[in-house]
Amino acid sequence: MAQHLDLHAIRQSLAEQRATLLEHIQGEEAKLRMRVGANPDPFDLAQEYASRWQSSALASQARRQLEQIEAALRRLDEGTYGMCAECGEAIPLARLRVLPYARLCVRCQELQERKEVSL
């Protein structure tokens, strides 16, 4: 399977996604560092807290995706990209096109999700 993948294009795409996520994270973290003005009214304060919560959640989600992308880049370096981390089978090319940082084939992903739901 790996021999049919354009690993250079995949690496470039992952690197671009990584750069975009880093910019996004920096932007959200900058919003979190902004201070509320002196003596804000309760409505402004509530809006500010909601905005900070949203920025924090977005940054957290972006960090998780960044970790997945960096793991995919490591798998490219190690020569294991495109192989399921659970069963060792090749991850279908269609799945990698949609989710280039996938570490599990569809079957193993479904099994993992079932286990998580049953916990």
PDB file of N, CA and C in Angstrom:
ATOM      1  N   MET A   1       0.826  -1.199   0.000  1.00  0.00           N
ATOM      2  CA  MET A   1       0.000   0.000   0.000  1.00  0.00           C
ATOM      3  C   MET A   1       0.861   1.250   0.000  1.00  0.00           C
ATOM      4  N   ALA A   2       1.858   1.297   0.869  1.00  0.00           N
ATOM      5  CA  ALA A   2       2.679   2.500   1.008  1.00  0.00           C
ATOM      6  C   ALA A   2       3.353   2.868  -0.297  1.00  0.00           C
ATOM      7  N   GLN A   3       3.695   1.857  -1.135  1.00  0.00           N
ATOM      8  CA  GLN A   3       4.363   2.162  -2.386  1.00  0.00           C
ATOM      9  C   GLN A   3       3.447   2.885  -3.366  1.00  0.00           C
ATOM     10  N   HIS A   4       2.115   2.826  -3.170  1.00  0.00           N
ATOM     11  CA  HIS A   4       1.167   3.486  -4.062  1.00  0.00           C
ATOM     12  C   HIS A   4       0.829   4.903  -3.589  1.00  0.00           C
ATOM     13  N   LEU A   5       1.317   5.284  -2.443  1.00  0.00           N
ATOM     14  CA  LEU A   5       1.040   6.606  -1.897  1.00  0.00           C
ATOM     15  C   LEU A   5       2.103   7.578  -2.367  1.00  0.00           C
ATOM     16  N   ASP A   6       1.701   8.794  -2.640  1.00  0.00           N
ATOM     17  CA  ASP A   6       2.659   9.860  -2.945  1.00  0.00           C
ATOM     18  C   ASP A   6       3.091  10.457  -1.612  1.00  0.00           C
ATOM     19  N   LEU A   7       4.090   9.848  -1.010  1.00  0.00           N
ATOM     20  CA  LEU A   7       4.515  10.232   0.334  1.00  0.00           C
ATOM     21  C   LEU A   7       4.995  11.671   0.405  1.00  0.00           C
ATOM     22  N   HIS A   8       5.613  12.148  -0.661  1.00  0.00           N
ATOM     23  CA  HIS A   8       6.076  13.541  -0.667  1.00  0.00           C
ATOM     24  C   HIS A   8       4.879  14.496  -0.598  1.00  0.00           C
ATOM     25  N   ALA A   9       3.846  14.221  -1.380  1.00  0.00           N
ATOM     26  CA  ALA A   9       2.650  15.074  -1.380  1.00  0.00           C
ATOM     27  C   ALA A   9       1.942  14.994  -0.029  1.00  0.00           C
ATOM     28  N   ILE A  10       1.905  13.799   0.559  1.00  0.00           N
ATOM     29  CA  ILE A  10       1.270  13.631   1.867  1.00  0.00           C
ATOM     30  C   ILE A  10       2.036  14.424   2.917  1.00  0.00           C
ATOM     31  N   ARG A  11       3.365  14.316   2.898  1.00  0.00           N
ATOM     32  CA  ARG A  11       4.192  15.054   3.859  1.00  0.00           C
ATOM     33  C   ARG A  11       3.974  16.559   3.704  1.00  0.00           C
ATOM     34  N   GLN A  12       3.926  17.034   2.469  1.00  0.00           N
ATOM     35  CA  GLN A  12       3.721  18.458   2.217  1.00  0.00           C
ATOM     36  C   GLN A  12       2.352  18.904   2.726  1.00  0.00           C
ATOM     37  N   SER A  13       1.317  18.100   2.460  1.00  0.00           N
ATOM     38  CA  SER A  13      -0.030  18.438   2.911  1.00  0.00           C
ATOM     39  C   SER A  13      -0.092  18.469   4.439  1.00  0.00           C
ATOM     40  N   LEU A  14       0.504  17.484   5.089  1.00  0.00           N
ATOM     41  CA  LEU A  14       0.507  17.446   6.552  1.00  0.00           C
ATOM     42  C   LEU A  14       1.279  18.638   7.123  1.00  0.00           C
ATOM     43  N   ALA A  15       2.391  18.994   6.490  1.00  0.00           N
ATOM     44  CA  ALA A  15       3.175  20.139   6.960  1.00  0.00           C
ATOM     45  C   ALA A  15       2.373  21.435   6.825  1.00  0.00           C
ATOM     46  N   GLU A  16       1.617  21.566   5.732  1.00  0.00           N
ATOM     47  CA  GLU A  16       0.772  22.754   5.543  1.00  0.00           C
ATOM     48  C   GLU A  16      -0.335  22.806   6.593  1.00  0.00           C
ATOM     49  N   GLN A  17      -0.951  21.650   6.858  1.00  0.00           N
ATOM     50  CA  GLN A  17      -1.998  21.588   7.884  1.00  0.00           C
ATOM     51  C   GLN A  17      -1.412  21.939   9.251  1.00  0.00           C
ATOM     52  N   ARG A  18      -0.206  21.458   9.496  1.00  0.00           N
ATOM     53  CA  ARG A  18       0.478  21.741  10.766  1.00  0.00           C
ATOM     54  C   ARG A  18       0.693  23.242  10.923  1.00  0.00           C
ATOM     55  N   ALA A  19       1.186  23.900   9.881  1.00  0.00           N
ATOM     56  CA  ALA A  19       1.430  25.338   9.937  1.00  0.00           C
ATOM     57  C   ALA A  19       0.130  26.110  10.165  1.00  0.00           C
ATOM     58  N   THR A  20      -0.929  25.708   9.490  1.00  0.00           N
ATOM     59  CA  THR A  20      -2.223  26.365   9.658  1.00  0.00           C
ATOM     60  C   THR A  20      -2.727  26.208  11.086  1.00  0.00           C
ATOM     61  N   LEU A  21      -2.597  25.004  11.629  1.00  0.00           N
ATOM     62  CA  LEU A  21      -3.042  24.764  13.011  1.00  0.00           C
ATOM     63  C   LEU A  21      -2.219  25.576  14.008  1.00  0.00           C
ATOM     64  N   LEU A  22      -0.919  25.661  13.797  1.00  0.00           N
ATOM     65  CA  LEU A  22      -0.080  26.454  14.702  1.00  0.00           C
ATOM     66  C   LEU A  22      -0.520  27.915  14.708  1.00  0.00           C
ATOM     67  N   GLU A  23      -0.825  28.459  13.532  1.00  0.00           N
ATOM     68  CA  GLU A  23      -1.320  29.839  13.448  1.00  0.00           C
ATOM     69  C   GLU A  23      -2.645  29.974  14.189  1.00  0.00           C
ATOM     70  N   HIS A  24      -3.513  29.014  13.991  1.00  0.00           N
ATOM     71  CA  HIS A  24      -4.832  29.037  14.636  1.00  0.00           C
ATOM     72  C   HIS A  24      -4.681  28.983  16.161  1.00  0.00           C
ATOM     73  N   ILE A  25      -3.829  28.106  16.632  1.00  0.00           N
ATOM     74  CA  ILE A  25      -3.602  27.973  18.079  1.00  0.00           C
ATOM     75  C   ILE A  25      -3.054  29.275  18.644  1.00  0.00           C
ATOM     76  N   GLN A  26      -2.093  29.870  17.949  1.00  0.00           N
ATOM     77  CA  GLN A  26      -1.517  31.135  18.416  1.00  0.00           C
ATOM     78  C   GLN A  26      -2.575  32.222  18.480  1.00  0.00           C
ATOM     79  N   GLY A  27      -3.463  32.266  17.498  1.00  0.00           N
ATOM     80  CA  GLY A  27      -4.535  33.261  17.495  1.00  0.00           C
ATOM     81  C   GLY A  27      -5.491  33.077  18.652  1.00  0.00           C
ATOM     82  N   GLU A  28      -5.882  31.834  18.911  1.00  0.00           N
ATOM     83  CA  GLU A  28      -6.798  31.565  20.021  1.00  0.00           C
ATOM     84  C   GLU A  28      -6.125  31.853  21.359  1.00  0.00           C
ATOM     85  N   GLU A  29      -4.846  31.502  21.485  1.00  0.00           N
ATOM     86  CA  GLU A  29      -4.139  31.776  22.732  1.00  0.00           C
ATOM     87  C   GLU A  29      -3.958  33.281  22.945  1.00  0.00           C
ATOM     88  N   ALA A  30      -3.794  34.030  21.864  1.00  0.00           N
ATOM     89  CA  ALA A  30      -3.698  35.488  21.985  1.00  0.00           C
ATOM     90  C   ALA A  30      -5.018  36.058  22.509  1.00  0.00           C
ATOM     91  N   LYS A  31      -6.141  35.503  22.050  1.00  0.00           N
ATOM     92  CA  LYS A  31      -7.443  35.954  22.551  1.00  0.00           C
ATOM     93  C   LYS A  31      -7.558  35.684  24.048  1.00  0.00           C
ATOM     94  N   LEU A  32      -6.998  34.555  24.487  1.00  0.00           N
ATOM     95  CA  LEU A  32      -7.078  34.202  25.908  1.00  0.00           C
ATOM     96  C   LEU A  32      -6.230  35.140  26.767  1.00  0.00           C
ATOM     97  N   ARG A  33      -5.177  35.696  26.190  1.00  0.00           N
ATOM     98  CA  ARG A  33      -4.302  36.594  26.957  1.00  0.00           C
ATOM     99  C   ARG A  33      -4.848  38.015  27.054  1.00  0.00           C
ATOM    100  N   MET A  34      -5.833  38.343  26.227  1.00  0.00           N
ATOM    101  CA  MET A  34      -6.408  39.691  26.274  1.00  0.00           C
ATOM    102  C   MET A  34      -7.116  39.882  27.596  1.00  0.00           C
ATOM    103  N   ARG A  35      -6.997  41.048  28.139  1.00  0.00           N
ATOM    104  CA  ARG A  35      -7.599  41.363  29.440  1.00  0.00           C
ATOM    105  C   ARG A  35      -8.920  42.111  29.252  1.00  0.00           C
ATOM    106  N   VAL A  36      -9.804  41.858  30.184  1.00  0.00           N
ATOM    107  CA  VAL A  36     -11.075  42.572  30.210  1.00  0.00           C
ATOM    108  C   VAL A  36     -10.796  43.982  30.733  1.00  0.00           C
ATOM    109  N   GLY A  37     -11.449  44.963  30.144  1.00  0.00           N
ATOM    110  CA  GLY A  37     -11.265  46.346  30.583  1.00  0.00           C
ATOM    111  C   GLY A  37     -11.686  46.552  32.028  1.00  0.00           C
ATOM    112  N   ALA A  38     -11.300  47.659  32.592  1.00  0.00           N
ATOM    113  CA  ALA A  38     -11.633  47.978  33.984  1.00  0.00           C
ATOM    114  C   ALA A  38     -13.138  48.169  34.126  1.00  0.00           C
ATOM    115  N   ASN A  39     -13.689  47.604  35.188  1.00  0.00           N
ATOM    116  CA  ASN A  39     -15.106  47.733  35.544  1.00  0.00           C
ATOM    117  C   ASN A  39     -16.064  47.401  34.396  1.00  0.00           C
ATOM    118  N   PRO A  40     -15.967  46.210  33.824  1.00  0.00           N
ATOM    119  CA  PRO A  40     -16.899  45.859  32.745  1.00  0.00           C
ATOM    120  C   PRO A  40     -18.289  45.627  33.319  1.00  0.00           C
ATOM    121  N   ASP A  41     -19.302  45.890  32.497  1.00  0.00           N
ATOM    122  CA  ASP A  41     -20.656  45.599  32.990  1.00  0.00           C
ATOM    123  C   ASP A  41     -20.872  44.084  32.917  1.00  0.00           C
ATOM    124  N   PRO A  42     -21.851  43.567  33.639  1.00  0.00           N
ATOM    125  CA  PRO A  42     -22.054  42.110  33.708  1.00  0.00           C
ATOM    126  C   PRO A  42     -22.251  41.447  32.334  1.00  0.00           C
ATOM    127  N   PHE A  43     -22.939  42.131  31.428  1.00  0.00           N
ATOM    128  CA  PHE A  43     -23.154  41.568  30.093  1.00  0.00           C
ATOM    129  C   PHE A  43     -21.826  41.425  29.359  1.00  0.00           C
ATOM    130  N   ASP A  44     -20.991  42.475  29.391  1.00  0.00           N
ATOM    131  CA  ASP A  44     -19.680  42.412  28.734  1.00  0.00           C
ATOM    132  C   ASP A  44     -18.816  41.324  29.357  1.00  0.00           C
ATOM    133  N   LEU A  45     -18.876  41.199  30.663  1.00  0.00           N
ATOM    134  CA  LEU A  45     -18.092  40.190  31.362  1.00  0.00           C
ATOM    135  C   LEU A  45     -18.552  38.772  30.968  1.00  0.00           C
ATOM    136  N   ALA A  46     -19.864  38.579  30.881  1.00  0.00           N
ATOM    137  CA  ALA A  46     -20.403  37.279  30.481  1.00  0.00           C
ATOM    138  C   ALA A  46     -19.985  36.944  29.055  1.00  0.00           C
ATOM    139  N   GLN A  47     -20.049  37.934  28.175  1.00  0.00           N
ATOM    140  CA  GLN A  47     -19.613  37.719  26.790  1.00  0.00           C
ATOM    141  C   GLN A  47     -18.129  37.369  26.743  1.00  0.00           C
ATOM    142  N   GLU A  48     -17.344  38.056  27.545  1.00  0.00           N
ATOM    143  CA  GLU A  48     -15.905  37.805  27.582  1.00  0.00           C
ATOM    144  C   GLU A  48     -15.612  36.387  28.058  1.00  0.00           C
ATOM    145  N   TYR A  49     -16.289  35.937  29.106  1.00  0.00           N
ATOM    146  CA  TYR A  49     -16.081  34.571  29.603  1.00  0.00           C
ATOM    147  C   TYR A  49     -16.484  33.539  28.556  1.00  0.00           C
ATOM    148  N   ALA A  50     -17.596  33.784  27.865  1.00  0.00           N
ATOM    149  CA  ALA A  50     -18.037  32.860  26.819  1.00  0.00           C
ATOM    150  C   ALA A  50     -17.021  32.828  25.681  1.00  0.00           C
ATOM    151  N   SER A  51     -16.506  33.971  25.310  1.00  0.00           N
ATOM    152  CA  SER A  51     -15.509  34.052  24.250  1.00  0.00           C
ATOM    153  C   SER A  51     -14.224  33.329  24.643  1.00  0.00           C
ATOM    154  N   ARG A  52     -13.810  33.499  25.897  1.00  0.00           N
ATOM    155  CA  ARG A  52     -12.603  32.814  26.377  1.00  0.00           C
ATOM    156  C   ARG A  52     -12.807  31.304  26.402  1.00  0.00           C
ATOM    157  N   TRP A  53     -13.985  30.857  26.835  1.00  0.00           N
ATOM    158  CA  TRP A  53     -14.268  29.426  26.856  1.00  0.00           C
ATOM    159  C   TRP A  53     -14.193  28.869  25.442  1.00  0.00           C
ATOM    160  N   GLN A  54     -14.783  29.576  24.484  1.00  0.00           N
ATOM    161  CA  GLN A  54     -14.769  29.128  23.096  1.00  0.00           C
ATOM    162  C   GLN A  54     -13.338  29.099  22.555  1.00  0.00           C
ATOM    163  N   SER A  55     -12.546  30.123  22.831  1.00  0.00           N
ATOM    164  CA  SER A  55     -11.156  30.152  22.370  1.00  0.00           C
ATOM    165  C   SER A  55     -10.358  29.011  22.974  1.00  0.00           C
ATOM    166  N   SER A  56     -10.591  28.742  24.238  1.00  0.00           N
ATOM    167  CA  SER A  56      -9.896  27.649  24.913  1.00  0.00           C
ATOM    168  C   SER A  56     -10.265  26.303  24.286  1.00  0.00           C
ATOM    169  N   ALA A  57     -11.543  26.104  24.022  1.00  0.00           N
ATOM    170  CA  ALA A  57     -12.000  24.851  23.417  1.00  0.00           C
ATOM    171  C   ALA A  57     -11.442  24.685  22.009  1.00  0.00           C
ATOM    172  N   LEU A  58     -11.445  25.754  21.218  1.00  0.00           N
ATOM    173  CA  LEU A  58     -10.916  25.690  19.858  1.00  0.00           C
ATOM    174  C   LEU A  58      -9.413  25.406  19.860  1.00  0.00           C
ATOM    175  N   ALA A  59      -8.686  26.046  20.766  1.00  0.00           N
ATOM    176  CA  ALA A  59      -7.243  25.815  20.857  1.00  0.00           C
ATOM    177  C   ALA A  59      -6.962  24.382  21.281  1.00  0.00           C
ATOM    178  N   SER A  60      -7.745  23.863  22.199  1.00  0.00           N
ATOM    179  CA  SER A  60      -7.563  22.489  22.670  1.00  0.00           C
ATOM    180  C   SER A  60      -7.817  21.488  21.537  1.00  0.00           C
ATOM    181  N   GLN A  61      -8.873  21.710  20.792  1.00  0.00           N
ATOM    182  CA  GLN A  61      -9.194  20.840  19.661  1.00  0.00           C
ATOM    183  C   GLN A  61      -8.078  20.904  18.612  1.00  0.00           C
ATOM    184  N   ALA A  62      -7.583  22.092  18.335  1.00  0.00           N
ATOM    185  CA  ALA A  62      -6.505  22.259  17.353  1.00  0.00           C
ATOM    186  C   ALA A  62      -5.225  21.576  17.833  1.00  0.00           C
ATOM    187  N   ARG A  63      -4.955  21.633  19.143  1.00  0.00           N
ATOM    188  CA  ARG A  63      -3.766  20.954  19.681  1.00  0.00           C
ATOM    189  C   ARG A  63      -3.862  19.446  19.501  1.00  0.00           C
ATOM    190  N   ARG A  64      -5.051  18.881  19.726  1.00  0.00           N
ATOM    191  CA  ARG A  64      -5.237  17.433  19.534  1.00  0.00           C
ATOM    192  C   ARG A  64      -5.001  17.050  18.074  1.00  0.00           C
ATOM    193  N   GLN A  65      -5.530  17.854  17.150  1.00  0.00           N
ATOM    194  CA  GLN A  65      -5.326  17.571  15.733  1.00  0.00           C
ATOM    195  C   GLN A  65      -3.851  17.749  15.369  1.00  0.00           C
ATOM    196  N   LEU A  66      -3.203  18.740  15.939  1.00  0.00           N
ATOM    197  CA  LEU A  66      -1.776  18.954  15.694  1.00  0.00           C
ATOM    198  C   LEU A  66      -0.967  17.741  16.152  1.00  0.00           C
ATOM    199  N   GLU A  67      -1.306  17.181  17.310  1.00  0.00           N
ATOM    200  CA  GLU A  67      -0.625  15.972  17.801  1.00  0.00           C
ATOM    201  C   GLU A  67      -0.803  14.816  16.826  1.00  0.00           C
ATOM    202  N   GLN A  68      -1.995  14.680  16.252  1.00  0.00           N
ATOM    203  CA  GLN A  68      -2.243  13.616  15.282  1.00  0.00           C
ATOM    204  C   GLN A  68      -1.415  13.822  14.012  1.00  0.00           C
ATOM    205  N   ILE A  69      -1.317  15.056  13.574  1.00  0.00           N
ATOM    206  CA  ILE A  69      -0.535  15.361  12.373  1.00  0.00           C
ATOM    207  C   ILE A  69       0.944  15.100  12.630  1.00  0.00           C
ATOM    208  N   GLU A  70       1.442  15.524  13.783  1.00  0.00           N
ATOM    209  CA  GLU A  70       2.850  15.287  14.097  1.00  0.00           C
ATOM    210  C   GLU A  70       3.141  13.795  14.212  1.00  0.00           C
ATOM    211  N   ALA A  71       2.195  13.022  14.738  1.00  0.00           N
ATOM    212  CA  ALA A  71       2.367  11.566  14.810  1.00  0.00           C
ATOM    213  C   ALA A  71       2.413  10.973  13.397  1.00  0.00           C
ATOM    214  N   ALA A  72       1.578  11.485  12.496  1.00  0.00           N
ATOM    215  CA  ALA A  72       1.588  10.999  11.110  1.00  0.00           C
ATOM    216  C   ALA A  72       2.924  11.327  10.443  1.00  0.00           C
ATOM    217  N   LEU A  73       3.452  12.510  10.711  1.00  0.00           N
ATOM    218  CA  LEU A  73       4.762  12.871  10.154  1.00  0.00           C
ATOM    219  C   LEU A  73       5.855  11.942  10.693  1.00  0.00           C
ATOM    220  N   ARG A  74       5.771  11.566  11.970  1.00  0.00           N
ATOM    221  CA  ARG A  74       6.736  10.608  12.535  1.00  0.00           C
ATOM    222  C   ARG A  74       6.597   9.245  11.856  1.00  0.00           C
ATOM    223  N   ARG A  75       5.344   8.815  11.600  1.00  0.00           N
ATOM    224  CA  ARG A  75       5.141   7.539  10.915  1.00  0.00           C
ATOM    225  C   ARG A  75       5.723   7.579   9.512  1.00  0.00           C
ATOM    226  N   LEU A  76       5.621   8.721   8.849  1.00  0.00           N
ATOM    227  CA  LEU A  76       6.255   8.868   7.536  1.00  0.00           C
ATOM    228  C   LEU A  76       7.763   8.680   7.660  1.00  0.00           C
ATOM    229  N   ASP A  77       8.368   9.310   8.668  1.00  0.00           N
ATOM    230  CA  ASP A  77       9.811   9.185   8.889  1.00  0.00           C
ATOM    231  C   ASP A  77      10.217   7.742   9.203  1.00  0.00           C
ATOM    232  N   GLU A  78       9.365   7.043   9.949  1.00  0.00           N
ATOM    233  CA  GLU A  78       9.663   5.673  10.376  1.00  0.00           C
ATOM    234  C   GLU A  78       9.341   4.631   9.305  1.00  0.00           C
ATOM    235  N   GLY A  79       8.611   5.056   8.270  1.00  0.00           N
ATOM    236  CA  GLY A  79       8.227   4.115   7.224  1.00  0.00           C
ATOM    237  C   GLY A  79       7.001   3.290   7.555  1.00  0.00           C
ATOM    238  N   THR A  80       6.222   3.708   8.551  1.00  0.00           N
ATOM    239  CA  THR A  80       5.028   2.956   8.944  1.00  0.00           C
ATOM    240  C   THR A  80       3.738   3.679   8.556  1.00  0.00           C
ATOM    241  N   TYR A  81       3.857   4.785   7.854  1.00  0.00           N
ATOM    242  CA  TYR A  81       2.670   5.544   7.449  1.00  0.00           C
ATOM    243  C   TYR A  81       1.798   4.669   6.552  1.00  0.00           C
ATOM    244  N   GLY A  82       0.490   4.715   6.793  1.00  0.00           N
ATOM    245  CA  GLY A  82      -0.452   3.969   5.968  1.00  0.00           C
ATOM    246  C   GLY A  82      -0.724   2.568   6.474  1.00  0.00           C
ATOM    247  N   MET A  83      -0.093   2.197   7.582  1.00  0.00           N
ATOM    248  CA  MET A  83      -0.310   0.887   8.179  1.00  0.00           C
ATOM    249  C   MET A  83      -1.081   1.076   9.490  1.00  0.00           C
ATOM    250  N   CYS A  84      -2.075   0.226   9.722  1.00  0.00           N
ATOM    251  CA  CYS A  84      -2.893   0.316  10.927  1.00  0.00           C
ATOM    252  C   CYS A  84      -2.035   0.019  12.149  1.00  0.00           C
ATOM    253  N   ALA A  85      -2.124   0.875  13.154  1.00  0.00           N
ATOM    254  CA  ALA A  85      -1.349   0.716  14.381  1.00  0.00           C
ATOM    255  C   ALA A  85      -1.829  -0.460  15.222  1.00  0.00           C
ATOM    256  N   GLU A  86      -3.028  -0.971  14.968  1.00  0.00           N
ATOM    257  CA  GLU A  86      -3.560  -2.095  15.736  1.00  0.00           C
ATOM    258  C   GLU A  86      -3.301  -3.427  15.043  1.00  0.00           C
ATOM    259  N   CYS A  87      -3.791  -3.569  13.806  1.00  0.00           N
ATOM    260  CA  CYS A  87      -3.720  -4.870  13.131  1.00  0.00           C
ATOM    261  C   CYS A  87      -2.560  -4.984  12.157  1.00  0.00           C
ATOM    262  N   GLY A  88      -1.945  -3.860  11.792  1.00  0.00           N
ATOM    263  CA  GLY A  88      -0.813  -3.888  10.875  1.00  0.00           C
ATOM    264  C   GLY A  88      -1.189  -3.941   9.409  1.00  0.00           C
ATOM    265  N   GLU A  89      -2.478  -4.007   9.114  1.00  0.00           N
ATOM    266  CA  GLU A  89      -2.936  -4.024   7.724  1.00  0.00           C
ATOM    267  C   GLU A  89      -2.830  -2.625   7.118  1.00  0.00           C
ATOM    268  N   ALA A  90      -2.812  -2.572   5.809  1.00  0.00           N
ATOM    269  CA  ALA A  90      -2.757  -1.287   5.120  1.00  0.00           C
ATOM    270  C   ALA A  90      -4.070  -0.536   5.326  1.00  0.00           C
ATOM    271  N   ILE A  91      -3.961   0.752   5.596  1.00  0.00           N
ATOM    272  CA  ILE A  91      -5.143   1.617   5.694  1.00  0.00           C
ATOM    273  C   ILE A  91      -5.538   1.963   4.265  1.00  0.00           C
ATOM    274  N   PRO A  92      -6.812   1.792   3.908  1.00  0.00           N
ATOM    275  CA  PRO A  92      -7.235   2.084   2.533  1.00  0.00           C
ATOM    276  C   PRO A  92      -6.888   3.516   2.113  1.00  0.00           C
ATOM    277  N   LEU A  93      -6.472   3.637   0.873  1.00  0.00           N
ATOM    278  CA  LEU A  93      -6.086   4.935   0.326  1.00  0.00           C
ATOM    279  C   LEU A  93      -7.216   5.955   0.445  1.00  0.00           C
ATOM    280  N   ALA A  94      -8.456   5.520   0.242  1.00  0.00           N
ATOM    281  CA  ALA A  94      -9.602   6.439   0.352  1.00  0.00           C
ATOM    282  C   ALA A  94      -9.678   7.041   1.751  1.00  0.00           C
ATOM    283  N   ARG A  95      -9.412   6.228   2.775  1.00  0.00           N
ATOM    284  CA  ARG A  95      -9.436   6.743   4.161  1.00  0.00           C
ATOM    285  C   ARG A  95      -8.310   7.743   4.381  1.00  0.00           C
ATOM    286  N   LEU A  96      -7.127   7.442   3.856  1.00  0.00           N
ATOM    287  CA  LEU A  96      -5.993   8.353   4.029  1.00  0.00           C
ATOM    288  C   LEU A  96      -6.200   9.667   3.281  1.00  0.00           C
ATOM    289  N   ARG A  97      -6.925   9.613   2.176  1.00  0.00           N
ATOM    290  CA  ARG A  97      -7.215  10.859   1.451  1.00  0.00           C
ATOM    291  C   ARG A  97      -8.114  11.766   2.276  1.00  0.00           C
ATOM    292  N   VAL A  98      -9.087  11.160   2.963  1.00  0.00           N
ATOM    293  CA  VAL A  98     -10.030  11.926   3.780  1.00  0.00           C
ATOM    294  C   VAL A  98      -9.397  12.336   5.100  1.00  0.00           C
ATOM    295  N   LEU A  99      -8.632  11.435   5.702  1.00  0.00           N
ATOM    296  CA  LEU A  99      -8.048  11.648   7.014  1.00  0.00           C
ATOM    297  C   LEU A  99      -6.565  11.253   6.952  1.00  0.00           C
ATOM    298  N   PRO A 100      -5.718  12.146   6.428  1.00  0.00           N
ATOM    299  CA  PRO A 100      -4.322  11.774   6.176  1.00  0.00           C
ATOM    300  C   PRO A 100      -3.519  11.427   7.426  1.00  0.00           C
ATOM    301  N   TYR A 101      -4.035  11.738   8.603  1.00  0.00           N
ATOM    302  CA  TYR A 101      -3.324  11.393   9.824  1.00  0.00           C
ATOM    303  C   TYR A 101      -3.945  10.175  10.519  1.00  0.00           C
ATOM    304  N   ALA A 102      -4.796   9.428   9.791  1.00  0.00           N
ATOM    305  CA  ALA A 102      -5.415   8.230  10.361  1.00  0.00           C
ATOM    306  C   ALA A 102      -4.334   7.241  10.776  1.00  0.00           C
ATOM    307  N   ARG A 103      -4.489   6.676  11.970  1.00  0.00           N
ATOM    308  CA  ARG A 103      -3.532   5.675  12.441  1.00  0.00           C
ATOM    309  C   ARG A 103      -4.144   4.290  12.512  1.00  0.00           C
ATOM    310  N   LEU A 104      -5.479   4.221  12.303  1.00  0.00           N
ATOM    311  CA  LEU A 104      -6.186   2.950  12.359  1.00  0.00           C
ATOM    312  C   LEU A 104      -6.994   2.744  11.083  1.00  0.00           C
ATOM    313  N   CYS A 105      -7.129   1.483  10.670  1.00  0.00           N
ATOM    314  CA  CYS A 105      -8.024   1.173   9.565  1.00  0.00           C
ATOM    315  C   CYS A 105      -9.462   1.344  10.069  1.00  0.00           C
ATOM    316  N   VAL A 106     -10.412   1.308   9.181  1.00  0.00           N
ATOM    317  CA  VAL A 106     -11.810   1.539   9.552  1.00  0.00           C
ATOM    318  C   VAL A 106     -12.282   0.503  10.571  1.00  0.00           C
ATOM    319  N   ARG A 107     -11.958  -0.760  10.352  1.00  0.00           N
ATOM    320  CA  ARG A 107     -12.408  -1.826  11.261  1.00  0.00           C
ATOM    321  C   ARG A 107     -11.857  -1.603  12.666  1.00  0.00           C
ATOM    322  N   CYS A 108     -10.575  -1.327  12.794  1.00  0.00           N
ATOM    323  CA  CYS A 108      -9.981  -1.118  14.120  1.00  0.00           C
ATOM    324  C   CYS A 108     -10.491   0.176  14.761  1.00  0.00           C
ATOM    325  N   GLN A 109     -10.744   1.204  13.952  1.00  0.00           N
ATOM    326  CA  GLN A 109     -11.307   2.445  14.473  1.00  0.00           C
ATOM    327  C   GLN A 109     -12.695   2.197  15.051  1.00  0.00           C
ATOM    328  N   GLU A 110     -13.503   1.431  14.324  1.00  0.00           N
ATOM    329  CA  GLU A 110     -14.846   1.114  14.815  1.00  0.00           C
ATOM    330  C   GLU A 110     -14.781   0.311  16.114  1.00  0.00           C
ATOM    331  N   LEU A 111     -13.867  -0.657  16.195  1.00  0.00           N
ATOM    332  CA  LEU A 111     -13.710  -1.443  17.422  1.00  0.00           C
ATOM    333  C   LEU A 111     -13.302  -0.553  18.590  1.00  0.00           C
ATOM    334  N   GLN A 112     -12.391   0.369  18.340  1.00  0.00           N
ATOM    335  CA  GLN A 112     -11.954   1.279  19.401  1.00  0.00           C
ATOM    336  C   GLN A 112     -13.100   2.159  19.868  1.00  0.00           C
ATOM    337  N   GLU A 113     -13.885   2.679  18.929  1.00  0.00           N
ATOM    338  CA  GLU A 113     -15.013   3.534  19.299  1.00  0.00           C
ATOM    339  C   GLU A 113     -16.057   2.766  20.095  1.00  0.00           C
ATOM    340  N   ARG A 114     -16.298   1.494  19.747  1.00  0.00           N
ATOM    341  CA  ARG A 114     -17.246   0.674  20.499  1.00  0.00           C
ATOM    342  C   ARG A 114     -16.747   0.471  21.932  1.00  0.00           C
ATOM    343  N   LYS A 115     -15.451   0.233  22.082  1.00  0.00           N
ATOM    344  CA  LYS A 115     -14.881   0.051  23.416  1.00  0.00           C
ATOM    345  C   LYS A 115     -15.050   1.318  24.243  1.00  0.00           C
ATOM    346  N   GLU A 116     -14.801   2.479  23.622  1.00  0.00           N
ATOM    347  CA  GLU A 116     -14.917   3.757  24.339  1.00  0.00           C
ATOM    348  C   GLU A 116     -16.359   4.016  24.765  1.00  0.00           C
ATOM    349  N   VAL A 117     -17.315   3.658  23.934  1.00  0.00           N
ATOM    350  CA  VAL A 117     -18.731   3.875  24.248  1.00  0.00           C
ATOM    351  C   VAL A 117     -19.156   2.959  25.395  1.00  0.00           C
ATOM    352  N   SER A 118     -18.638   1.739  25.419  1.00  0.00           N
ATOM    353  CA  SER A 118     -19.047   0.796  26.452  1.00  0.00           C
ATOM    354  C   SER A 118     -18.405   1.084  27.806  1.00  0.00           C
ATOM    355  N   LEU A 119     -17.384   1.930  27.837  1.00  0.00           N
ATOM    356  CA  LEU A 119     -16.766   2.283  29.125  1.00  0.00           C
ATOM    357  C   LEU A 119     -17.641   3.241  29.819  1.00  0.00           C
TER     358      LEU A 119
END
